[in-house]
Amino acid sequence: MDIKQHVLKLIDKYGTNSPYDLCDYLNIIRVKQPMHPDIRGCYQYFRRNKIIYINSLLPEKDQIQVCSHELGHAQRHSKSNVIFWETKTLFIKDRFEIEANSFAAELLISDEDIKQYFGSGYNIEHIAKSLEVDRCFVDLKIKNLCRRG
């Protein structure tokens, strides 16, 4: 199933696009705790548990985006352990990061939002600021929309 369809199916089934609510419905453990400033969050699969860690020092809007991204890992790469890959292997995880970002973009930004803002002459920076999301999510959402036609 493609990422957009996966996200739409979750939103339809649970009636929300809130990553926090979706984690609760999907029995994904969320841990908010202070972390090093360079670490925004991470996903871990441990003993059949899906765990999302979020840096509690981030502003709330950033925590929501991190949760959305990590939820993408939990849904698309559920048994993967990125921490293990980074420390024990030479595996390149870029594809997984792009997929998790695409998942977050589809979860946080509706097609209607993009069409409304983009159609009104807003650029990517303005759209991101208006929707209070990272620029990379807006960029991915627009690229995904253009790809689909």
C-alpha atoms as a PDB file:
ATOM      1  CA  MET A   1       0.000   0.000   0.000  1.00  0.00           C
ATOM      2  CA  ASP A   2       1.372   3.424  -0.841  1.00  0.00           C
ATOM      3  CA  ILE A   3       2.064   5.905   1.958  1.00  0.00           C
ATOM      4  CA  LYS A   4      -0.825   8.255   1.198  1.00  0.00           C
ATOM      5  CA  GLN A   5      -3.344   5.382   1.136  1.00  0.00           C
ATOM      6  CA  HIS A   6      -1.859   3.997   4.355  1.00  0.00           C
ATOM      7  CA  VAL A   7      -2.266   7.365   6.117  1.00  0.00           C
ATOM      8  CA  LEU A   8      -5.789   7.936   4.758  1.00  0.00           C
ATOM      9  CA  LYS A   9      -6.815   4.464   5.922  1.00  0.00           C
ATOM     10  CA  LEU A  10      -5.567   5.221   9.460  1.00  0.00           C
ATOM     11  CA  ILE A  11      -7.296   8.615   9.539  1.00  0.00           C
ATOM     12  CA  ASP A  12     -10.546   7.069   8.286  1.00  0.00           C
ATOM     13  CA  LYS A  13     -10.418   4.136  10.697  1.00  0.00           C
ATOM     14  CA  TYR A  14      -9.648   6.161  13.824  1.00  0.00           C
ATOM     15  CA  GLY A  15     -11.253   9.478  12.885  1.00  0.00           C
ATOM     16  CA  THR A  16      -8.165  11.572  13.607  1.00  0.00           C
ATOM     17  CA  ASN A  17      -4.888  12.717  12.141  1.00  0.00           C
ATOM     18  CA  SER A  18      -3.402  13.393  15.591  1.00  0.00           C
ATOM     19  CA  PRO A  19      -0.189  11.370  15.857  1.00  0.00           C
ATOM     20  CA  TYR A  20      -0.634  11.172  19.647  1.00  0.00           C
ATOM     21  CA  ASP A  21      -4.146   9.735  19.333  1.00  0.00           C
ATOM     22  CA  LEU A  22      -3.047   7.326  16.607  1.00  0.00           C
ATOM     23  CA  CYS A  23      -0.220   6.068  18.823  1.00  0.00           C
ATOM     24  CA  ASP A  24      -2.761   5.419  21.581  1.00  0.00           C
ATOM     25  CA  TYR A  25      -5.121   3.558  19.218  1.00  0.00           C
ATOM     26  CA  LEU A  26      -2.229   1.516  17.799  1.00  0.00           C
ATOM     27  CA  ASN A  27      -0.724   0.679  21.222  1.00  0.00           C
ATOM     28  CA  ILE A  28       2.512   2.465  20.442  1.00  0.00           C
ATOM     29  CA  ILE A  29       4.313   3.613  23.552  1.00  0.00           C
ATOM     30  CA  ARG A  30       5.255   7.314  23.570  1.00  0.00           C
ATOM     31  CA  VAL A  31       8.032   8.506  25.818  1.00  0.00           C
ATOM     32  CA  LYS A  32       8.653  12.224  26.156  1.00  0.00           C
ATOM     33  CA  GLN A  33      11.892  13.035  27.895  1.00  0.00           C
ATOM     34  CA  PRO A  34      14.694  15.573  27.717  1.00  0.00           C
ATOM     35  CA  MET A  35      17.351  14.573  25.189  1.00  0.00           C
ATOM     36  CA  HIS A  36      20.506  16.018  23.736  1.00  0.00           C
ATOM     37  CA  PRO A  37      19.620  19.074  21.591  1.00  0.00           C
ATOM     38  CA  ASP A  38      20.790  17.255  18.434  1.00  0.00           C
ATOM     39  CA  ILE A  39      18.274  14.436  18.997  1.00  0.00           C
ATOM     40  CA  ARG A  40      14.677  15.184  18.115  1.00  0.00           C
ATOM     41  CA  GLY A  41      13.353  11.682  18.655  1.00  0.00           C
ATOM     42  CA  CYS A  42      13.667   8.070  17.618  1.00  0.00           C
ATOM     43  CA  TYR A  43      11.723   4.869  17.103  1.00  0.00           C
ATOM     44  CA  GLN A  44      12.572   1.537  18.681  1.00  0.00           C
ATOM     45  CA  TYR A  45      11.107  -1.942  18.355  1.00  0.00           C
ATOM     46  CA  PHE A  46      11.925  -3.833  21.537  1.00  0.00           C
ATOM     47  CA  ARG A  47      10.439  -7.102  22.783  1.00  0.00           C
ATOM     48  CA  ARG A  48       7.373  -6.798  20.545  1.00  0.00           C
ATOM     49  CA  ASN A  49       6.770  -3.228  21.672  1.00  0.00           C
ATOM     50  CA  LYS A  50       6.789  -0.209  19.421  1.00  0.00           C
ATOM     51  CA  ILE A  51       8.264   2.773  21.237  1.00  0.00           C
ATOM     52  CA  ILE A  52       8.526   6.381  20.109  1.00  0.00           C
ATOM     53  CA  TYR A  53      10.877   8.666  21.998  1.00  0.00           C
ATOM     54  CA  ILE A  54      10.321  12.414  21.711  1.00  0.00           C
ATOM     55  CA  ASN A  55      12.637  15.134  22.961  1.00  0.00           C
ATOM     56  CA  SER A  56      10.507  17.009  25.500  1.00  0.00           C
ATOM     57  CA  LEU A  57      12.769  20.065  25.205  1.00  0.00           C
ATOM     58  CA  LEU A  58      11.362  20.773  21.734  1.00  0.00           C
ATOM     59  CA  PRO A  59       8.428  23.150  21.255  1.00  0.00           C
ATOM     60  CA  GLU A  60       5.091  21.295  21.188  1.00  0.00           C
ATOM     61  CA  LYS A  61       4.553  21.810  17.443  1.00  0.00           C
ATOM     62  CA  ASP A  62       7.960  20.200  16.810  1.00  0.00           C
ATOM     63  CA  GLN A  63       7.111  17.318  19.146  1.00  0.00           C
ATOM     64  CA  ILE A  64       3.969  16.640  17.090  1.00  0.00           C
ATOM     65  CA  GLN A  65       6.035  16.569  13.892  1.00  0.00           C
ATOM     66  CA  VAL A  66       8.610  14.242  15.465  1.00  0.00           C
ATOM     67  CA  CYS A  67       5.843  11.936  16.655  1.00  0.00           C
ATOM     68  CA  SER A  68       4.340  11.916  13.140  1.00  0.00           C
ATOM     69  CA  HIS A  69       7.717  11.036  11.601  1.00  0.00           C
ATOM     70  CA  GLU A  70       8.420   8.285  14.142  1.00  0.00           C
ATOM     71  CA  LEU A  71       4.865   6.976  13.712  1.00  0.00           C
ATOM     72  CA  GLY A  72       5.792   6.601  10.057  1.00  0.00           C
ATOM     73  CA  HIS A  73       8.670   4.353  11.093  1.00  0.00           C
ATOM     74  CA  ALA A  74       6.389   2.392  13.427  1.00  0.00           C
ATOM     75  CA  GLN A  75       3.875   1.827  10.624  1.00  0.00           C
ATOM     76  CA  ARG A  76       6.166   1.375   7.641  1.00  0.00           C
ATOM     77  CA  HIS A  77       9.273  -0.206   9.245  1.00  0.00           C
ATOM     78  CA  SER A  78       7.787  -1.633  12.417  1.00  0.00           C
ATOM     79  CA  LYS A  79      10.452  -4.170  13.327  1.00  0.00           C
ATOM     80  CA  SER A  80      13.388  -2.057  12.240  1.00  0.00           C
ATOM     81  CA  ASN A  81      15.756  -0.635  14.781  1.00  0.00           C
ATOM     82  CA  VAL A  82      17.403   2.495  13.417  1.00  0.00           C
ATOM     83  CA  ILE A  83      19.593   2.845  16.502  1.00  0.00           C
ATOM     84  CA  PHE A  84      21.063  -0.604  15.804  1.00  0.00           C
ATOM     85  CA  TRP A  85      21.621   0.231  12.121  1.00  0.00           C
ATOM     86  CA  GLU A  86      23.479   3.423  12.954  1.00  0.00           C
ATOM     87  CA  THR A  87      25.767   1.867  15.535  1.00  0.00           C
ATOM     88  CA  LYS A  88      26.309  -1.712  14.370  1.00  0.00           C
ATOM     89  CA  THR A  89      25.966  -1.804  10.586  1.00  0.00           C
ATOM     90  CA  LEU A  90      26.794   0.142   7.467  1.00  0.00           C
ATOM     91  CA  PHE A  91      23.141   0.084   6.366  1.00  0.00           C
ATOM     92  CA  ILE A  92      22.045   3.291   4.669  1.00  0.00           C
ATOM     93  CA  LYS A  93      18.732   4.352   6.147  1.00  0.00           C
ATOM     94  CA  ASP A  94      17.938   7.283   3.830  1.00  0.00           C
ATOM     95  CA  ARG A  95      15.041   5.512   2.085  1.00  0.00           C
ATOM     96  CA  PHE A  96      13.393   4.835   5.436  1.00  0.00           C
ATOM     97  CA  GLU A  97      13.829   8.456   6.522  1.00  0.00           C
ATOM     98  CA  ILE A  98      12.231   9.735   3.322  1.00  0.00           C
ATOM     99  CA  GLU A  99       9.316   7.327   3.784  1.00  0.00           C
ATOM    100  CA  ALA A 100       8.853   8.425   7.411  1.00  0.00           C
ATOM    101  CA  ASN A 101       8.919  12.081   6.334  1.00  0.00           C
ATOM    102  CA  SER A 102       6.396  11.355   3.577  1.00  0.00           C
ATOM    103  CA  PHE A 103       4.167   9.616   6.124  1.00  0.00           C
ATOM    104  CA  ALA A 104       4.377  12.672   8.419  1.00  0.00           C
ATOM    105  CA  ALA A 105       3.660  15.032   5.518  1.00  0.00           C
ATOM    106  CA  GLU A 106       0.552  13.075   4.514  1.00  0.00           C
ATOM    107  CA  LEU A 107      -0.615  12.911   8.144  1.00  0.00           C
ATOM    108  CA  LEU A 108      -0.073  16.577   8.986  1.00  0.00           C
ATOM    109  CA  ILE A 109      -1.023  18.294   5.712  1.00  0.00           C
ATOM    110  CA  SER A 110      -4.200  17.733   3.742  1.00  0.00           C
ATOM    111  CA  ASP A 111      -4.352  17.962  -0.029  1.00  0.00           C
ATOM    112  CA  GLU A 112      -6.917  20.742   0.427  1.00  0.00           C
ATOM    113  CA  ASP A 113      -4.476  22.810   2.513  1.00  0.00           C
ATOM    114  CA  ILE A 114      -1.824  22.622  -0.178  1.00  0.00           C
ATOM    115  CA  LYS A 115      -4.270  23.400  -2.986  1.00  0.00           C
ATOM    116  CA  GLN A 116      -5.675  26.361  -1.070  1.00  0.00           C
ATOM    117  CA  TYR A 117      -2.348  27.936  -0.142  1.00  0.00           C
ATOM    118  CA  PHE A 118      -0.438  27.039  -3.292  1.00  0.00           C
ATOM    119  CA  GLY A 119      -3.329  28.176  -5.465  1.00  0.00           C
ATOM    120  CA  SER A 120      -3.332  31.516  -3.641  1.00  0.00           C
ATOM    121  CA  GLY A 121       0.278  32.164  -4.589  1.00  0.00           C
ATOM    122  CA  TYR A 122       1.904  31.151  -1.300  1.00  0.00           C
ATOM    123  CA  ASN A 123       5.404  29.738  -1.562  1.00  0.00           C
ATOM    124  CA  ILE A 124       6.667  26.725   0.390  1.00  0.00           C
ATOM    125  CA  GLU A 125       8.039  28.873   3.237  1.00  0.00           C
ATOM    126  CA  HIS A 126       4.724  30.680   3.691  1.00  0.00           C
ATOM    127  CA  ILE A 127       2.732  27.471   3.570  1.00  0.00           C
ATOM    128  CA  ALA A 128       4.998  25.849   6.169  1.00  0.00           C
ATOM    129  CA  LYS A 129       4.707  28.872   8.448  1.00  0.00           C
ATOM    130  CA  SER A 130       0.917  29.049   8.025  1.00  0.00           C
ATOM    131  CA  LEU A 131       0.461  25.348   8.782  1.00  0.00           C
ATOM    132  CA  GLU A 132       3.168  25.354  11.487  1.00  0.00           C
ATOM    133  CA  VAL A 133       5.022  22.444   9.940  1.00  0.00           C
ATOM    134  CA  ASP A 134       8.565  21.961   8.763  1.00  0.00           C
ATOM    135  CA  ARG A 135       9.362  23.117   5.250  1.00  0.00           C
ATOM    136  CA  CYS A 136      10.525  19.617   4.243  1.00  0.00           C
ATOM    137  CA  PHE A 137       7.029  18.218   4.900  1.00  0.00           C
ATOM    138  CA  VAL A 138       5.415  20.850   2.662  1.00  0.00           C
ATOM    139  CA  ASP A 139       7.995  20.196  -0.027  1.00  0.00           C
ATOM    140  CA  LEU A 140       7.364  16.420   0.098  1.00  0.00           C
ATOM    141  CA  LYS A 141       3.591  16.890   0.091  1.00  0.00           C
ATOM    142  CA  ILE A 142       3.747  19.114  -2.998  1.00  0.00           C
ATOM    143  CA  LYS A 143       6.083  16.688  -4.784  1.00  0.00           C
ATOM    144  CA  ASN A 144       3.782  13.772  -3.932  1.00  0.00           C
ATOM    145  CA  LEU A 145       0.737  15.674  -5.209  1.00  0.00           C
ATOM    146  CA  CYS A 146       2.524  16.585  -8.449  1.00  0.00           C
ATOM    147  CA  ARG A 147       3.642  12.983  -8.948  1.00  0.00           C
ATOM    148  CA  ARG A 148       0.074  11.745  -8.639  1.00  0.00           C
ATOM    149  CA  GLY A 149      -1.203  14.394 -11.046  1.00  0.00           C
END
